[in-house]
């Protein structure tokens, strides 16, 4: 995947280098006042940002997982499990 970033990004990322990040995002929703009517999704991916030349970036994602809530512990923290389509998600993200 090729994309262009801002001038600020172009000076932050040095050309001929590769940057590797572990990306994690969680989204949750619920209705206040209802019992256990909450849901959440969590995404984890390894993200590589390669800079072959100035103002040119190549981003690759790999090792992605998609998790969802299957319950809550006594403290109210969400318990997550891999979704049934997590492998399809990983394949789509690595294209």
N, C-alpha and C. Protein backbone atom coordinates (compact mmCIF):
# COMPACT_ATOMS: atom_id res chain seq x y z
N UNK A 1 0.84 -1.16 0.00
CA UNK A 1 0.00 0.00 0.00
C UNK A 1 0.90 1.23 0.00
N UNK A 2 0.75 2.09 -0.97
CA UNK A 2 1.51 3.33 -1.05
C UNK A 2 0.60 4.49 -0.66
N UNK A 3 1.14 5.48 0.03
CA UNK A 3 0.35 6.64 0.39
C UNK A 3 1.27 7.82 0.65
N UNK A 4 0.71 9.00 0.65
CA UNK A 4 1.46 10.21 0.91
C UNK A 4 1.05 10.77 2.26
N UNK A 5 2.01 11.31 2.98
CA UNK A 5 1.74 11.92 4.27
C UNK A 5 2.05 13.41 4.19
N UNK A 6 1.85 14.10 5.28
CA UNK A 6 2.11 15.54 5.31
C UNK A 6 3.60 15.83 5.29
N UNK A 7 3.95 17.09 5.08
CA UNK A 7 5.35 17.50 5.09
C UNK A 7 5.98 17.21 6.44
N UNK A 8 5.22 17.39 7.51
CA UNK A 8 5.73 17.09 8.86
C UNK A 8 6.10 15.61 8.97
N UNK A 9 5.25 14.73 8.42
CA UNK A 9 5.54 13.30 8.44
C UNK A 9 6.79 12.99 7.61
N UNK A 10 6.94 13.70 6.51
CA UNK A 10 8.08 13.46 5.61
C UNK A 10 9.40 13.75 6.31
N UNK A 11 9.43 14.69 7.22
CA UNK A 11 10.66 15.00 7.93
C UNK A 11 10.83 14.13 9.17
N UNK A 12 9.76 13.59 9.70
CA UNK A 12 9.83 12.74 10.89
C UNK A 12 10.38 11.36 10.53
N UNK A 13 9.98 10.83 9.38
CA UNK A 13 10.41 9.50 8.95
C UNK A 13 11.58 9.64 7.97
N UNK A 14 12.71 9.06 8.32
CA UNK A 14 13.93 9.17 7.51
C UNK A 14 13.90 8.17 6.36
N UNK A 15 14.33 8.62 5.16
CA UNK A 15 14.30 7.72 4.01
C UNK A 15 15.33 6.60 4.16
N UNK A 16 15.05 5.51 3.46
CA UNK A 16 15.84 4.28 3.50
C UNK A 16 15.81 3.60 4.87
N UNK A 17 14.74 3.85 5.61
CA UNK A 17 14.57 3.19 6.91
C UNK A 17 13.22 2.50 6.97
N UNK A 18 13.12 1.57 7.92
CA UNK A 18 11.86 0.87 8.14
C UNK A 18 11.49 1.04 9.62
N UNK A 19 10.24 1.39 9.87
CA UNK A 19 9.74 1.58 11.22
C UNK A 19 8.70 0.50 11.49
N UNK A 20 8.78 -0.12 12.66
CA UNK A 20 7.86 -1.20 13.01
C UNK A 20 7.11 -0.82 14.28
N UNK A 21 5.79 -0.97 14.23
CA UNK A 21 4.94 -0.63 15.36
C UNK A 21 4.00 -1.79 15.67
N UNK A 22 3.63 -1.92 16.91
CA UNK A 22 2.55 -2.82 17.30
C UNK A 22 1.32 -1.94 17.52
N UNK A 23 0.35 -2.09 16.65
CA UNK A 23 -0.85 -1.25 16.65
C UNK A 23 -1.97 -1.99 17.39
N UNK A 24 -2.61 -1.30 18.30
CA UNK A 24 -3.73 -1.87 19.05
C UNK A 24 -4.83 -0.83 19.14
N UNK A 25 -6.04 -1.26 18.83
CA UNK A 25 -7.20 -0.36 18.93
C UNK A 25 -8.37 -1.14 19.51
N UNK A 26 -9.14 -0.47 20.35
CA UNK A 26 -10.31 -1.10 20.95
C UNK A 26 -11.49 -0.15 20.83
N UNK A 27 -12.61 -0.70 20.44
CA UNK A 27 -13.85 0.05 20.32
C UNK A 27 -14.89 -0.62 21.19
N UNK A 28 -15.58 0.15 22.00
CA UNK A 28 -16.61 -0.44 22.85
C UNK A 28 -17.86 0.44 22.82
N UNK A 29 -18.98 -0.20 23.08
CA UNK A 29 -20.25 0.53 23.11
C UNK A 29 -21.18 -0.15 24.11
N UNK A 30 -22.15 0.59 24.55
CA UNK A 30 -23.12 0.05 25.49
C UNK A 30 -24.22 1.06 25.74
N UNK A 31 -25.24 0.61 26.44
CA UNK A 31 -26.36 1.48 26.79
C UNK A 31 -26.37 1.63 28.31
N UNK A 32 -26.22 2.86 28.78
CA UNK A 32 -26.18 3.12 30.21
C UNK A 32 -27.49 2.68 30.87
N UNK A 33 -27.36 2.00 32.00
CA UNK A 33 -28.53 1.58 32.76
C UNK A 33 -29.03 0.19 32.41
N UNK A 34 -28.39 -0.46 31.45
CA UNK A 34 -28.80 -1.82 31.11
C UNK A 34 -27.76 -2.79 31.64
N UNK A 35 -28.16 -3.99 31.91
CA UNK A 35 -27.25 -4.99 32.47
C UNK A 35 -26.52 -5.73 31.36
N UNK A 36 -25.20 -5.62 31.37
CA UNK A 36 -24.33 -6.35 30.45
C UNK A 36 -24.68 -6.20 28.97
N UNK A 37 -25.26 -5.08 28.59
CA UNK A 37 -25.53 -4.88 27.17
C UNK A 37 -24.41 -4.01 26.58
N UNK A 38 -23.19 -4.48 26.74
CA UNK A 38 -22.01 -3.81 26.20
C UNK A 38 -21.36 -4.72 25.18
N UNK A 39 -20.69 -4.12 24.24
CA UNK A 39 -19.93 -4.90 23.27
C UNK A 39 -18.60 -4.20 23.04
N UNK A 40 -17.63 -4.95 22.57
CA UNK A 40 -16.32 -4.38 22.29
C UNK A 40 -15.61 -5.22 21.24
N UNK A 41 -14.77 -4.56 20.49
CA UNK A 41 -13.93 -5.20 19.48
C UNK A 41 -12.51 -4.68 19.68
N UNK A 42 -11.54 -5.57 19.53
CA UNK A 42 -10.14 -5.19 19.69
C UNK A 42 -9.35 -5.70 18.50
N UNK A 43 -8.51 -4.82 17.96
CA UNK A 43 -7.67 -5.14 16.81
C UNK A 43 -6.21 -5.00 17.23
N UNK A 44 -5.41 -5.98 16.87
CA UNK A 44 -3.95 -5.93 17.07
C UNK A 44 -3.30 -6.24 15.73
N UNK A 45 -2.30 -5.44 15.35
CA UNK A 45 -1.56 -5.68 14.11
C UNK A 45 -0.12 -5.23 14.28
N UNK A 46 0.76 -5.88 13.56
CA UNK A 46 2.12 -5.40 13.40
C UNK A 46 2.10 -4.51 12.16
N UNK A 47 2.58 -3.28 12.28
CA UNK A 47 2.57 -2.33 11.17
C UNK A 47 4.01 -1.95 10.84
N UNK A 48 4.39 -2.11 9.58
CA UNK A 48 5.71 -1.72 9.11
C UNK A 48 5.56 -0.55 8.15
N UNK A 49 6.31 0.50 8.41
CA UNK A 49 6.31 1.67 7.55
C UNK A 49 7.71 1.80 6.96
N UNK A 50 7.79 1.60 5.65
CA UNK A 50 9.07 1.67 4.95
C UNK A 50 9.13 2.97 4.16
N UNK A 51 10.29 3.61 4.17
CA UNK A 51 10.46 4.89 3.48
C UNK A 51 11.54 4.71 2.41
N UNK A 52 11.15 4.30 1.18
CA UNK A 52 12.14 4.05 0.13
C UNK A 52 12.79 5.33 -0.40
N UNK A 53 12.08 6.45 -0.32
CA UNK A 53 12.63 7.74 -0.75
C UNK A 53 11.84 8.83 -0.05
N UNK A 54 12.34 10.04 -0.10
CA UNK A 54 11.64 11.15 0.55
C UNK A 54 10.22 11.29 0.02
N UNK A 55 9.28 11.51 0.91
CA UNK A 55 7.85 11.71 0.59
C UNK A 55 7.20 10.48 -0.04
N UNK A 56 7.76 9.33 0.15
CA UNK A 56 7.18 8.09 -0.35
C UNK A 56 7.21 7.06 0.77
N UNK A 57 6.06 6.44 1.03
CA UNK A 57 5.94 5.52 2.14
C UNK A 57 5.24 4.24 1.70
N UNK A 58 5.68 3.11 2.24
CA UNK A 58 5.04 1.82 2.00
C UNK A 58 4.63 1.28 3.37
N UNK A 59 3.34 1.02 3.52
CA UNK A 59 2.84 0.50 4.79
C UNK A 59 2.37 -0.94 4.59
N UNK A 60 2.81 -1.81 5.49
CA UNK A 60 2.38 -3.21 5.47
C UNK A 60 1.85 -3.58 6.85
N UNK A 61 0.78 -4.36 6.86
CA UNK A 61 0.26 -4.87 8.13
C UNK A 61 0.37 -6.39 8.11
N UNK A 62 0.66 -6.97 9.26
CA UNK A 62 0.77 -8.42 9.39
C UNK A 62 0.42 -8.81 10.82
N UNK A 63 0.30 -10.10 11.04
CA UNK A 63 0.03 -10.66 12.36
C UNK A 63 -1.20 -10.01 13.02
N UNK A 64 -2.22 -9.75 12.22
CA UNK A 64 -3.42 -9.10 12.75
C UNK A 64 -4.34 -10.10 13.44
N UNK A 65 -4.96 -9.66 14.51
CA UNK A 65 -5.99 -10.44 15.18
C UNK A 65 -7.19 -9.54 15.45
N UNK A 66 -8.35 -10.15 15.43
CA UNK A 66 -9.60 -9.45 15.71
C UNK A 66 -10.27 -10.19 16.86
N UNK A 67 -10.52 -9.48 17.95
CA UNK A 67 -11.13 -10.11 19.13
C UNK A 67 -12.43 -9.41 19.48
N UNK A 68 -13.30 -10.15 20.21
CA UNK A 68 -14.57 -9.60 20.65
C UNK A 68 -14.83 -10.03 22.09
N UNK A 69 -15.75 -9.35 22.74
CA UNK A 69 -16.11 -9.65 24.12
C UNK A 69 -16.94 -10.92 24.18
N UNK A 70 -16.62 -11.78 25.14
CA UNK A 70 -17.47 -12.95 25.38
C UNK A 70 -18.02 -12.94 26.80
N UNK A 71 -17.64 -11.95 27.59
CA UNK A 71 -18.14 -11.83 28.96
C UNK A 71 -17.34 -10.79 29.72
N UNK A 72 -17.61 -10.69 31.01
CA UNK A 72 -16.93 -9.71 31.85
C UNK A 72 -16.48 -10.38 33.14
N UNK A 73 -15.33 -9.97 33.67
CA UNK A 73 -14.87 -10.51 34.94
C UNK A 73 -15.60 -9.79 36.08
N UNK A 74 -15.42 -10.21 37.32
CA UNK A 74 -16.13 -9.59 38.45
C UNK A 74 -15.87 -8.09 38.60
N UNK A 75 -14.73 -7.61 38.11
CA UNK A 75 -14.43 -6.17 38.18
C UNK A 75 -15.04 -5.39 37.02
N UNK A 76 -15.71 -6.08 36.12
CA UNK A 76 -16.34 -5.42 34.98
C UNK A 76 -15.46 -5.28 33.75
N UNK A 77 -14.25 -5.84 33.81
CA UNK A 77 -13.34 -5.77 32.65
C UNK A 77 -13.77 -6.80 31.61
N UNK A 78 -13.75 -6.38 30.36
CA UNK A 78 -14.17 -7.25 29.26
C UNK A 78 -13.21 -8.42 29.09
N UNK A 79 -13.76 -9.60 28.87
CA UNK A 79 -12.99 -10.80 28.54
C UNK A 79 -13.09 -10.98 27.04
N UNK A 80 -11.93 -11.05 26.38
CA UNK A 80 -11.88 -11.06 24.92
C UNK A 80 -11.50 -12.45 24.40
N UNK A 81 -12.05 -12.78 23.21
CA UNK A 81 -11.67 -14.01 22.51
C UNK A 81 -11.55 -13.69 21.02
N UNK A 82 -10.77 -14.49 20.32
CA UNK A 82 -10.59 -14.33 18.88
C UNK A 82 -11.93 -14.56 18.19
N UNK A 83 -12.29 -13.69 17.24
CA UNK A 83 -13.56 -13.84 16.52
C UNK A 83 -13.46 -15.00 15.53
N UNK A 84 -14.61 -15.48 15.10
CA UNK A 84 -14.61 -16.60 14.15
C UNK A 84 -14.05 -16.20 12.79
N UNK A 85 -14.09 -14.91 12.46
CA UNK A 85 -13.56 -14.46 11.17
C UNK A 85 -12.23 -13.70 11.32
N UNK A 86 -11.53 -13.93 12.42
CA UNK A 86 -10.25 -13.26 12.66
C UNK A 86 -9.22 -13.60 11.59
N UNK A 87 -9.18 -14.85 11.14
CA UNK A 87 -8.21 -15.24 10.10
C UNK A 87 -8.51 -14.55 8.77
N UNK A 88 -9.78 -14.42 8.42
CA UNK A 88 -10.16 -13.69 7.20
C UNK A 88 -9.76 -12.22 7.31
N UNK A 89 -9.96 -11.65 8.49
CA UNK A 89 -9.57 -10.27 8.74
C UNK A 89 -8.06 -10.11 8.56
N UNK A 90 -7.28 -11.03 9.12
CA UNK A 90 -5.82 -10.98 9.00
C UNK A 90 -5.38 -11.06 7.54
N UNK A 91 -6.02 -11.93 6.78
CA UNK A 91 -5.70 -12.07 5.36
C UNK A 91 -6.01 -10.77 4.61
N UNK A 92 -7.17 -10.19 4.86
CA UNK A 92 -7.56 -8.94 4.19
C UNK A 92 -6.61 -7.80 4.56
N UNK A 93 -6.19 -7.74 5.81
CA UNK A 93 -5.31 -6.66 6.25
C UNK A 93 -3.89 -6.80 5.70
N UNK A 94 -3.48 -8.00 5.35
CA UNK A 94 -2.12 -8.20 4.86
C UNK A 94 -2.00 -8.02 3.35
N UNK A 95 -3.09 -7.71 2.67
CA UNK A 95 -3.04 -7.50 1.21
C UNK A 95 -2.46 -6.16 0.87
